[in-house]
Amino acid sequence: MKNFNVFIGVIGFSFIALYTLVFNQNPFCYDEPYYLSNLNLIKNFGFGEEFLVKLNGPAGPLHAYIHYLLSPLTNVDVKPTRLVNIIFGVLILLMIFKTISVINPGNKN
C-alpha cells in the first residue's frame, strides 16, 4: 500500500509540475505580486530591521528570503518562481512524513 501511495504522489507532483511549466500561461495573480514585492524591500533595505518593519503580508520574511536568494536562477519569472513553491511544498511534505515516521515508528502504513 505504501508503494501505491508514493506512486500516486509522484504522479500528482508530476502533473502539477507539468501543468505549471507547460500549460499555465497566467501572469502572477492573487497574493503572488503582493509577496514578491518584498524582494524590492530586500534590495532597498537589505535583510535588516527596516526590511522587517516594512514587510508586506502576515507570512513573514521566509518567502522573500527564499525567492531573493533564488532570483538569479528564476529571474522572478512566473514559471520558475511557481516551480520553487511546488518544490518547497514537496520538501515540506517529505519532512512531515519523516517526522511522523520518527515519532511513531510502529505505524508502517
C-alpha atoms as a PDB file:
ATOM      1  CA  MET A   1       0.000   0.000   0.000  1.00  0.00           C
ATOM      2  CA  LYS A   2       2.889   2.363   0.800  1.00  0.00           C
ATOM      3  CA  ASN A   3       4.363   1.968  -2.698  1.00  0.00           C
ATOM      4  CA  PHE A   4       0.978   2.754  -4.222  1.00  0.00           C
ATOM      5  CA  ASN A   5       0.707   5.945  -2.154  1.00  0.00           C
ATOM      6  CA  VAL A   6       4.192   7.012  -3.234  1.00  0.00           C
ATOM      7  CA  PHE A   7       3.298   6.250  -6.849  1.00  0.00           C
ATOM      8  CA  ILE A   8       0.137   8.370  -6.614  1.00  0.00           C
ATOM      9  CA  GLY A   9       2.156  11.187  -5.001  1.00  0.00           C
ATOM     10  CA  VAL A  10       4.773  11.116  -7.765  1.00  0.00           C
ATOM     11  CA  ILE A  11       2.064  11.159 -10.444  1.00  0.00           C
ATOM     12  CA  GLY A  12       0.342  14.080  -8.720  1.00  0.00           C
ATOM     13  CA  PHE A  13       3.570  16.065  -8.367  1.00  0.00           C
ATOM     14  CA  SER A  14       4.466  15.363 -11.999  1.00  0.00           C
ATOM     15  CA  PHE A  15       1.058  16.598 -13.134  1.00  0.00           C
ATOM     16  CA  ILE A  16       1.339  19.801 -11.091  1.00  0.00           C
ATOM     17  CA  ALA A  17       4.886  20.487 -12.327  1.00  0.00           C
ATOM     18  CA  LEU A  18       3.938  19.755 -15.957  1.00  0.00           C
ATOM     19  CA  TYR A  19       0.881  21.982 -15.742  1.00  0.00           C
ATOM     20  CA  THR A  20       2.910  24.791 -14.161  1.00  0.00           C
ATOM     21  CA  LEU A  21       5.751  24.636 -16.674  1.00  0.00           C
ATOM     22  CA  VAL A  22       3.880  23.895 -19.900  1.00  0.00           C
ATOM     23  CA  PHE A  23       0.209  24.801 -19.770  1.00  0.00           C
ATOM     24  CA  ASN A  24      -0.119  27.644 -17.271  1.00  0.00           C
ATOM     25  CA  GLN A  25       0.472  30.919 -19.123  1.00  0.00           C
ATOM     26  CA  ASN A  26      -1.127  33.165 -16.499  1.00  0.00           C
ATOM     27  CA  PRO A  27       0.835  36.057 -15.001  1.00  0.00           C
ATOM     28  CA  PHE A  28       1.329  36.376 -11.269  1.00  0.00           C
ATOM     29  CA  CYS A  29      -2.045  36.537  -9.547  1.00  0.00           C
ATOM     30  CA  TYR A  30      -3.794  36.648  -6.179  1.00  0.00           C
ATOM     31  CA  ASP A  31      -1.157  37.186  -3.477  1.00  0.00           C
ATOM     32  CA  GLU A  32       1.922  36.482  -5.630  1.00  0.00           C
ATOM     33  CA  PRO A  33       2.635  40.107  -6.652  1.00  0.00           C
ATOM     34  CA  TYR A  34       1.936  41.239  -3.103  1.00  0.00           C
ATOM     35  CA  TYR A  35       4.503  38.899  -1.534  1.00  0.00           C
ATOM     36  CA  LEU A  36       7.038  39.216  -4.355  1.00  0.00           C
ATOM     37  CA  SER A  37       7.039  42.990  -3.832  1.00  0.00           C
ATOM     38  CA  ASN A  38       9.046  42.207  -0.705  1.00  0.00           C
ATOM     39  CA  LEU A  39      12.005  41.456  -2.985  1.00  0.00           C
ATOM     40  CA  ASN A  40      12.251  45.176  -3.726  1.00  0.00           C
ATOM     41  CA  LEU A  41      12.341  45.846   0.007  1.00  0.00           C
ATOM     42  CA  ILE A  42      15.298  43.483   0.371  1.00  0.00           C
ATOM     43  CA  LYS A  43      17.086  45.241  -2.496  1.00  0.00           C
ATOM     44  CA  ASN A  44      16.442  48.648  -0.910  1.00  0.00           C
ATOM     45  CA  PHE A  45      16.976  47.878   2.778  1.00  0.00           C
ATOM     46  CA  GLY A  46      18.855  44.561   2.960  1.00  0.00           C
ATOM     47  CA  PHE A  47      17.928  41.885   5.492  1.00  0.00           C
ATOM     48  CA  GLY A  48      17.820  44.295   8.413  1.00  0.00           C
ATOM     49  CA  GLU A  49      15.263  45.751  10.759  1.00  0.00           C
ATOM     50  CA  GLU A  50      13.874  48.278   8.269  1.00  0.00           C
ATOM     51  CA  PHE A  51      13.041  45.451   5.861  1.00  0.00           C
ATOM     52  CA  LEU A  52      11.195  43.584   8.623  1.00  0.00           C
ATOM     53  CA  VAL A  53       9.243  46.678   9.648  1.00  0.00           C
ATOM     54  CA  LYS A  54       8.108  47.419   6.067  1.00  0.00           C
ATOM     55  CA  LEU A  55       7.452  43.766   5.180  1.00  0.00           C
ATOM     56  CA  ASN A  56       4.207  43.177   3.252  1.00  0.00           C
ATOM     57  CA  GLY A  57       1.860  40.486   4.486  1.00  0.00           C
ATOM     58  CA  PRO A  58       1.499  38.321   7.538  1.00  0.00           C
ATOM     59  CA  ALA A  59       3.521  35.371   6.199  1.00  0.00           C
ATOM     60  CA  GLY A  60       6.867  36.625   7.458  1.00  0.00           C
ATOM     61  CA  PRO A  61      10.182  37.091   5.677  1.00  0.00           C
ATOM     62  CA  LEU A  62      10.965  33.472   4.684  1.00  0.00           C
ATOM     63  CA  HIS A  63       9.140  33.668   1.341  1.00  0.00           C
ATOM     64  CA  ALA A  64      11.033  36.834   0.414  1.00  0.00           C
ATOM     65  CA  TYR A  65      14.387  35.399   1.562  1.00  0.00           C
ATOM     66  CA  ILE A  66      13.954  32.221  -0.484  1.00  0.00           C
ATOM     67  CA  HIS A  67      12.866  33.995  -3.653  1.00  0.00           C
ATOM     68  CA  TYR A  68      15.546  36.674  -3.282  1.00  0.00           C
ATOM     69  CA  LEU A  69      18.277  34.059  -2.909  1.00  0.00           C
ATOM     70  CA  LEU A  70      16.924  32.087  -5.883  1.00  0.00           C
ATOM     71  CA  SER A  71      16.239  35.142  -8.057  1.00  0.00           C
ATOM     72  CA  PRO A  72      19.473  34.675 -10.059  1.00  0.00           C
ATOM     73  CA  LEU A  73      18.084  31.282 -11.128  1.00  0.00           C
ATOM     74  CA  THR A  74      14.413  32.220 -11.547  1.00  0.00           C
ATOM     75  CA  ASN A  75      14.743  35.858 -12.668  1.00  0.00           C
ATOM     76  CA  VAL A  76      11.477  36.223 -10.722  1.00  0.00           C
ATOM     77  CA  ASP A  77       9.717  34.858 -13.790  1.00  0.00           C
ATOM     78  CA  VAL A  78       6.299  33.252 -13.312  1.00  0.00           C
ATOM     79  CA  LYS A  79       7.022  29.601 -14.113  1.00  0.00           C
ATOM     80  CA  PRO A  80      10.329  29.143 -12.259  1.00  0.00           C
ATOM     81  CA  THR A  81       9.006  31.053  -9.256  1.00  0.00           C
ATOM     82  CA  ARG A  82       5.948  28.817  -9.053  1.00  0.00           C
ATOM     83  CA  LEU A  83       8.122  25.738  -9.502  1.00  0.00           C
ATOM     84  CA  VAL A  84      10.198  26.823  -6.489  1.00  0.00           C
ATOM     85  CA  ASN A  85       6.992  26.970  -4.447  1.00  0.00           C
ATOM     86  CA  ILE A  86       5.970  23.483  -5.621  1.00  0.00           C
ATOM     87  CA  ILE A  87       9.399  22.025  -4.809  1.00  0.00           C
ATOM     88  CA  PHE A  88       9.383  23.535  -1.334  1.00  0.00           C
ATOM     89  CA  GLY A  89       5.858  22.227  -0.790  1.00  0.00           C
ATOM     90  CA  VAL A  90       7.037  18.705  -1.651  1.00  0.00           C
ATOM     91  CA  LEU A  91      10.067  19.086   0.637  1.00  0.00           C
ATOM     92  CA  ILE A  92       7.804  20.144   3.496  1.00  0.00           C
ATOM     93  CA  LEU A  93       5.595  17.102   2.914  1.00  0.00           C
ATOM     94  CA  LEU A  94       8.663  14.840   2.978  1.00  0.00           C
ATOM     95  CA  MET A  95       9.853  16.409   6.230  1.00  0.00           C
ATOM     96  CA  ILE A  96       6.412  15.901   7.782  1.00  0.00           C
ATOM     97  CA  PHE A  97       6.425  12.260   6.651  1.00  0.00           C
ATOM     98  CA  LYS A  98       9.893  11.675   8.131  1.00  0.00           C
ATOM     99  CA  THR A  99       8.922  13.392  11.371  1.00  0.00           C
ATOM    100  CA  ILE A 100       5.817  11.260  11.746  1.00  0.00           C
ATOM    101  CA  SER A 101       7.782   8.080  10.990  1.00  0.00           C
ATOM    102  CA  VAL A 102      10.326   9.007  13.705  1.00  0.00           C
ATOM    103  CA  ILE A 103       7.666   9.920  16.266  1.00  0.00           C
ATOM    104  CA  ASN A 104       5.541   6.843  15.522  1.00  0.00           C
ATOM    105  CA  PRO A 105       7.872   4.144  14.119  1.00  0.00           C
ATOM    106  CA  GLY A 106       5.355   1.332  14.779  1.00  0.00           C
ATOM    107  CA  ASN A 107       2.955   2.632  12.154  1.00  0.00           C
ATOM    108  CA  LYS A 108       4.369   1.220   8.906  1.00  0.00           C
ATOM    109  CA  ASN A 109       1.390   2.180   6.726  1.00  0.00           C
END
